[in-house]
PDB file of N, CA and C in Angstrom:
ATOM      1  N   MET A   1       0.660   3.224  12.975  1.00  0.00           N
ATOM      2  CA  MET A   1       0.203   4.292  12.121  1.00  0.00           C
ATOM      3  C   MET A   1      -0.589   5.288  12.947  1.00  0.00           C
ATOM      4  N   ALA A   2       0.075   6.179  13.532  1.00  0.00           N
ATOM      5  CA  ALA A   2      -0.578   7.189  14.348  1.00  0.00           C
ATOM      6  C   ALA A   2      -1.451   8.083  13.476  1.00  0.00           C
ATOM      7  N   ASN A   3      -2.591   8.448  14.026  1.00  0.00           N
ATOM      8  CA  ASN A   3      -3.485   9.385  13.363  1.00  0.00           C
ATOM      9  C   ASN A   3      -3.961   8.880  12.002  1.00  0.00           C
ATOM     10  N   SER A   4      -4.292   7.597  11.901  1.00  0.00           N
ATOM     11  CA  SER A   4      -4.791   7.069  10.645  1.00  0.00           C
ATOM     12  C   SER A   4      -5.871   6.039  10.905  1.00  0.00           C
ATOM     13  N   LYS A   5      -6.585   5.705   9.863  1.00  0.00           N
ATOM     14  CA  LYS A   5      -7.615   4.681   9.944  1.00  0.00           C
ATOM     15  C   LYS A   5      -6.953   3.354  10.276  1.00  0.00           C
ATOM     16  N   SER A   6      -7.526   2.621  11.208  1.00  0.00           N
ATOM     17  CA  SER A   6      -6.990   1.308  11.544  1.00  0.00           C
ATOM     18  C   SER A   6      -7.269   0.351  10.396  1.00  0.00           C
ATOM     19  N   LEU A   7      -6.265  -0.402  10.038  1.00  0.00           N
ATOM     20  CA  LEU A   7      -6.406  -1.395   8.981  1.00  0.00           C
ATOM     21  C   LEU A   7      -6.329  -2.782   9.596  1.00  0.00           C
ATOM     22  N   SER A   8      -7.252  -3.628   9.211  1.00  0.00           N
ATOM     23  CA  SER A   8      -7.211  -5.009   9.676  1.00  0.00           C
ATOM     24  C   SER A   8      -6.211  -5.788   8.825  1.00  0.00           C
ATOM     25  N   ALA A   9      -5.893  -6.983   9.273  1.00  0.00           N
ATOM     26  CA  ALA A   9      -5.000  -7.847   8.496  1.00  0.00           C
ATOM     27  C   ALA A   9      -5.616  -8.125   7.126  1.00  0.00           C
ATOM     28  N   LEU A  10      -6.931  -8.301   7.072  1.00  0.00           N
ATOM     29  CA  LEU A  10      -7.603  -8.535   5.798  1.00  0.00           C
ATOM     30  C   LEU A  10      -7.480  -7.320   4.886  1.00  0.00           C
ATOM     31  N   ASP A  11      -7.657  -6.117   5.443  1.00  0.00           N
ATOM     32  CA  ASP A  11      -7.501  -4.888   4.661  1.00  0.00           C
ATOM     33  C   ASP A  11      -6.125  -4.834   4.010  1.00  0.00           C
ATOM     34  N   VAL A  12      -5.104  -5.119   4.794  1.00  0.00           N
ATOM     35  CA  VAL A  12      -3.729  -5.044   4.292  1.00  0.00           C
ATOM     36  C   VAL A  12      -3.493  -6.108   3.223  1.00  0.00           C
ATOM     37  N   GLU A  13      -4.044  -7.294   3.406  1.00  0.00           N
ATOM     38  CA  GLU A  13      -3.899  -8.352   2.396  1.00  0.00           C
ATOM     39  C   GLU A  13      -4.593  -7.960   1.094  1.00  0.00           C
ATOM     40  N   ILE A  14      -5.739  -7.298   1.193  1.00  0.00           N
ATOM     41  CA  ILE A  14      -6.447  -6.822   0.001  1.00  0.00           C
ATOM     42  C   ILE A  14      -5.599  -5.794  -0.736  1.00  0.00           C
ATOM     43  N   ILE A  15      -5.032  -4.853   0.002  1.00  0.00           N
ATOM     44  CA  ILE A  15      -4.172  -3.830  -0.607  1.00  0.00           C
ATOM     45  C   ILE A  15      -2.952  -4.481  -1.241  1.00  0.00           C
ATOM     46  N   LYS A  16      -2.341  -5.431  -0.542  1.00  0.00           N
ATOM     47  CA  LYS A  16      -1.146  -6.098  -1.063  1.00  0.00           C
ATOM     48  C   LYS A  16      -1.471  -6.873  -2.340  1.00  0.00           C
ATOM     49  N   SER A  17      -2.598  -7.549  -2.360  1.00  0.00           N
ATOM     50  CA  SER A  17      -3.012  -8.295  -3.547  1.00  0.00           C
ATOM     51  C   SER A  17      -3.245  -7.349  -4.728  1.00  0.00           C
ATOM     52  N   ALA A  18      -3.932  -6.242  -4.474  1.00  0.00           N
ATOM     53  CA  ALA A  18      -4.165  -5.250  -5.526  1.00  0.00           C
ATOM     54  C   ALA A  18      -2.845  -4.682  -6.027  1.00  0.00           C
ATOM     55  N   PHE A  19      -1.928  -4.433  -5.101  1.00  0.00           N
ATOM     56  CA  PHE A  19      -0.618  -3.908  -5.484  1.00  0.00           C
ATOM     57  C   PHE A  19       0.089  -4.861  -6.441  1.00  0.00           C
ATOM     58  N   HIS A  20       0.142  -6.142  -6.090  1.00  0.00           N
ATOM     59  CA  HIS A  20       0.876  -7.101  -6.917  1.00  0.00           C
ATOM     60  C   HIS A  20       0.252  -7.244  -8.304  1.00  0.00           C
ATOM     61  N   LYS A  21      -1.057  -7.098  -8.414  1.00  0.00           N
ATOM     62  CA  LYS A  21      -1.708  -7.135  -9.729  1.00  0.00           C
ATOM     63  C   LYS A  21      -1.368  -5.885 -10.532  1.00  0.00           C
ATOM     64  N   GLU A  22      -1.404  -4.730  -9.881  1.00  0.00           N
ATOM     65  CA  GLU A  22      -1.148  -3.459 -10.561  1.00  0.00           C
ATOM     66  C   GLU A  22       0.328  -3.249 -10.894  1.00  0.00           C
ATOM     67  N   ALA A  23       1.211  -3.822 -10.101  1.00  0.00           N
ATOM     68  CA  ALA A  23       2.650  -3.570 -10.259  1.00  0.00           C
ATOM     69  C   ALA A  23       3.283  -4.394 -11.374  1.00  0.00           C
ATOM     70  N   GLN A  24       2.571  -5.380 -11.881  1.00  0.00           N
ATOM     71  CA  GLN A  24       3.134  -6.199 -12.951  1.00  0.00           C
ATOM     72  C   GLN A  24       3.490  -5.310 -14.134  1.00  0.00           C
ATOM     73  N   GLY A  25       4.726  -5.389 -14.546  1.00  0.00           N
ATOM     74  CA  GLY A  25       5.192  -4.596 -15.675  1.00  0.00           C
ATOM     75  C   GLY A  25       5.719  -3.223 -15.311  1.00  0.00           C
ATOM     76  N   LEU A  26       5.493  -2.781 -14.079  1.00  0.00           N
ATOM     77  CA  LEU A  26       6.027  -1.485 -13.649  1.00  0.00           C
ATOM     78  C   LEU A  26       7.460  -1.656 -13.160  1.00  0.00           C
ATOM     79  N   PRO A  27       8.310  -0.674 -13.407  1.00  0.00           N
ATOM     80  CA  PRO A  27       9.657  -0.740 -12.831  1.00  0.00           C
ATOM     81  C   PRO A  27       9.589  -0.605 -11.309  1.00  0.00           C
ATOM     82  N   GLU A  28      10.517  -1.263 -10.633  1.00  0.00           N
ATOM     83  CA  GLU A  28      10.538  -1.228  -9.164  1.00  0.00           C
ATOM     84  C   GLU A  28      10.607   0.189  -8.619  1.00  0.00           C
ATOM     85  N   SER A  29      11.170   1.098  -9.373  1.00  0.00           N
ATOM     86  CA  SER A  29      11.289   2.485  -8.911  1.00  0.00           C
ATOM     87  C   SER A  29       9.920   3.143  -8.704  1.00  0.00           C
ATOM     88  N   GLN A  30       8.868   2.579  -9.261  1.00  0.00           N
ATOM     89  CA  GLN A  30       7.520   3.141  -9.127  1.00  0.00           C
ATOM     90  C   GLN A  30       6.663   2.400  -8.106  1.00  0.00           C
ATOM     91  N   TRP A  31       7.174   1.331  -7.536  1.00  0.00           N
ATOM     92  CA  TRP A  31       6.389   0.504  -6.625  1.00  0.00           C
ATOM     93  C   TRP A  31       5.958   1.231  -5.364  1.00  0.00           C
ATOM     94  N   ARG A  32       6.854   1.985  -4.742  1.00  0.00           N
ATOM     95  CA  ARG A  32       6.503   2.668  -3.489  1.00  0.00           C
ATOM     96  C   ARG A  32       5.374   3.674  -3.711  1.00  0.00           C
ATOM     97  N   GLU A  33       5.459   4.406  -4.805  1.00  0.00           N
ATOM     98  CA  GLU A  33       4.423   5.389  -5.113  1.00  0.00           C
ATOM     99  C   GLU A  33       3.081   4.698  -5.349  1.00  0.00           C
ATOM    100  N   LEU A  34       3.087   3.591  -6.082  1.00  0.00           N
ATOM    101  CA  LEU A  34       1.856   2.844  -6.325  1.00  0.00           C
ATOM    102  C   LEU A  34       1.265   2.325  -5.018  1.00  0.00           C
ATOM    103  N   ALA A  35       2.100   1.734  -4.175  1.00  0.00           N
ATOM    104  CA  ALA A  35       1.620   1.208  -2.892  1.00  0.00           C
ATOM    105  C   ALA A  35       1.022   2.328  -2.044  1.00  0.00           C
ATOM    106  N   ALA A  36       1.685   3.464  -1.989  1.00  0.00           N
ATOM    107  CA  ALA A  36       1.177   4.599  -1.213  1.00  0.00           C
ATOM    108  C   ALA A  36      -0.169   5.071  -1.762  1.00  0.00           C
ATOM    109  N   GLN A  37      -0.301   5.121  -3.078  1.00  0.00           N
ATOM    110  CA  GLN A  37      -1.563   5.546  -3.683  1.00  0.00           C
ATOM    111  C   GLN A  37      -2.694   4.573  -3.357  1.00  0.00           C
ATOM    112  N   LEU A  38      -2.402   3.279  -3.388  1.00  0.00           N
ATOM    113  CA  LEU A  38      -3.422   2.285  -3.051  1.00  0.00           C
ATOM    114  C   LEU A  38      -3.865   2.427  -1.593  1.00  0.00           C
ATOM    115  N   ILE A  39      -2.908   2.636  -0.705  1.00  0.00           N
ATOM    116  CA  ILE A  39      -3.237   2.817   0.713  1.00  0.00           C
ATOM    117  C   ILE A  39      -4.078   4.074   0.899  1.00  0.00           C
ATOM    118  N   GLN A  40      -3.685   5.163   0.251  1.00  0.00           N
ATOM    119  CA  GLN A  40      -4.430   6.415   0.361  1.00  0.00           C
ATOM    120  C   GLN A  40      -5.853   6.258  -0.163  1.00  0.00           C
ATOM    121  N   THR A  41      -6.006   5.561  -1.278  1.00  0.00           N
ATOM    122  CA  THR A  41      -7.335   5.338  -1.842  1.00  0.00           C
ATOM    123  C   THR A  41      -8.190   4.501  -0.903  1.00  0.00           C
ATOM    124  N   PHE A  42      -7.604   3.472  -0.330  1.00  0.00           N
ATOM    125  CA  PHE A  42      -8.339   2.566   0.560  1.00  0.00           C
ATOM    126  C   PHE A  42      -8.745   3.255   1.856  1.00  0.00           C
ATOM    127  N   THR A  43      -7.850   4.044   2.421  1.00  0.00           N
ATOM    128  CA  THR A  43      -8.117   4.662   3.723  1.00  0.00           C
ATOM    129  C   THR A  43      -8.766   6.035   3.621  1.00  0.00           C
ATOM    130  N   GLY A  44      -8.578   6.713   2.501  1.00  0.00           N
ATOM    131  CA  GLY A  44      -9.087   8.072   2.365  1.00  0.00           C
ATOM    132  C   GLY A  44      -8.215   9.106   3.045  1.00  0.00           C
ATOM    133  N   LEU A  45      -7.033   8.695   3.468  1.00  0.00           N
ATOM    134  CA  LEU A  45      -6.105   9.588   4.166  1.00  0.00           C
ATOM    135  C   LEU A  45      -4.873   9.848   3.312  1.00  0.00           C
ATOM    136  N   SER A  46      -4.259  11.016   3.504  1.00  0.00           N
ATOM    137  CA  SER A  46      -3.061  11.335   2.731  1.00  0.00           C
ATOM    138  C   SER A  46      -1.784  10.819   3.387  1.00  0.00           C
ATOM    139  N   ALA A  47      -1.794  10.659   4.710  1.00  0.00           N
ATOM    140  CA  ALA A  47      -0.604  10.172   5.420  1.00  0.00           C
ATOM    141  C   ALA A  47      -0.529   8.649   5.309  1.00  0.00           C
ATOM    142  N   VAL A  48       0.652   8.164   4.935  1.00  0.00           N
ATOM    143  CA  VAL A  48       0.861   6.727   4.763  1.00  0.00           C
ATOM    144  C   VAL A  48       2.065   6.302   5.590  1.00  0.00           C
ATOM    145  N   ASP A  49       1.911   5.213   6.325  1.00  0.00           N
ATOM    146  CA  ASP A  49       3.003   4.660   7.128  1.00  0.00           C
ATOM    147  C   ASP A  49       4.042   4.046   6.183  1.00  0.00           C
ATOM    148  N   PRO A  50       5.275   4.553   6.178  1.00  0.00           N
ATOM    149  CA  PRO A  50       6.305   4.022   5.275  1.00  0.00           C
ATOM    150  C   PRO A  50       6.610   2.546   5.518  1.00  0.00           C
ATOM    151  N   GLN A  51       6.450   2.077   6.754  1.00  0.00           N
ATOM    152  CA  GLN A  51       6.690   0.656   7.032  1.00  0.00           C
ATOM    153  C   GLN A  51       5.623  -0.210   6.369  1.00  0.00           C
ATOM    154  N   LEU A  52       4.398   0.279   6.299  1.00  0.00           N
ATOM    155  CA  LEU A  52       3.338  -0.450   5.614  1.00  0.00           C
ATOM    156  C   LEU A  52       3.634  -0.519   4.117  1.00  0.00           C
ATOM    157  N   VAL A  53       4.094   0.577   3.554  1.00  0.00           N
ATOM    158  CA  VAL A  53       4.471   0.587   2.137  1.00  0.00           C
ATOM    159  C   VAL A  53       5.551  -0.457   1.883  1.00  0.00           C
ATOM    160  N   GLU A  54       6.566  -0.487   2.718  1.00  0.00           N
ATOM    161  CA  GLU A  54       7.661  -1.455   2.546  1.00  0.00           C
ATOM    162  C   GLU A  54       7.152  -2.887   2.650  1.00  0.00           C
ATOM    163  N   TRP A  55       6.218  -3.144   3.560  1.00  0.00           N
ATOM    164  CA  TRP A  55       5.678  -4.492   3.715  1.00  0.00           C
ATOM    165  C   TRP A  55       4.886  -4.896   2.476  1.00  0.00           C
ATOM    166  N   ILE A  56       4.119  -3.958   1.935  1.00  0.00           N
ATOM    167  CA  ILE A  56       3.292  -4.259   0.768  1.00  0.00           C
ATOM    168  C   ILE A  56       4.147  -4.544  -0.463  1.00  0.00           C
ATOM    169  N   ILE A  57       5.238  -3.819  -0.647  1.00  0.00           N
ATOM    170  CA  ILE A  57       6.036  -4.026  -1.859  1.00  0.00           C
ATOM    171  C   ILE A  57       6.998  -5.203  -1.751  1.00  0.00           C
ATOM    172  N   ARG A  58       7.118  -5.760  -0.562  1.00  0.00           N
ATOM    173  CA  ARG A  58       8.004  -6.909  -0.381  1.00  0.00           C
ATOM    174  C   ARG A  58       7.532  -8.051  -1.265  1.00  0.00           C
ATOM    175  N   LYS A  59       8.472  -8.713  -1.902  1.00  0.00           N
ATOM    176  CA  LYS A  59       8.137  -9.829  -2.807  1.00  0.00           C
ATOM    177  C   LYS A  59       7.809 -11.073  -2.044  1.00  0.00           C
TER     178      LYS A  59
END
């Protein structure tokens, strides 16, 4: 993730856990947007690594 706040493994696990709680009941088509919003909120940055989003939404 060039030009972004470094995230620790714990940070990413926290985001992933929050994602799975928030995504319950949402259609899969909205998962990427939700994951990106959670990352943006956590880091305070608008740029989000798409690979991180994919990792977070993985079941």
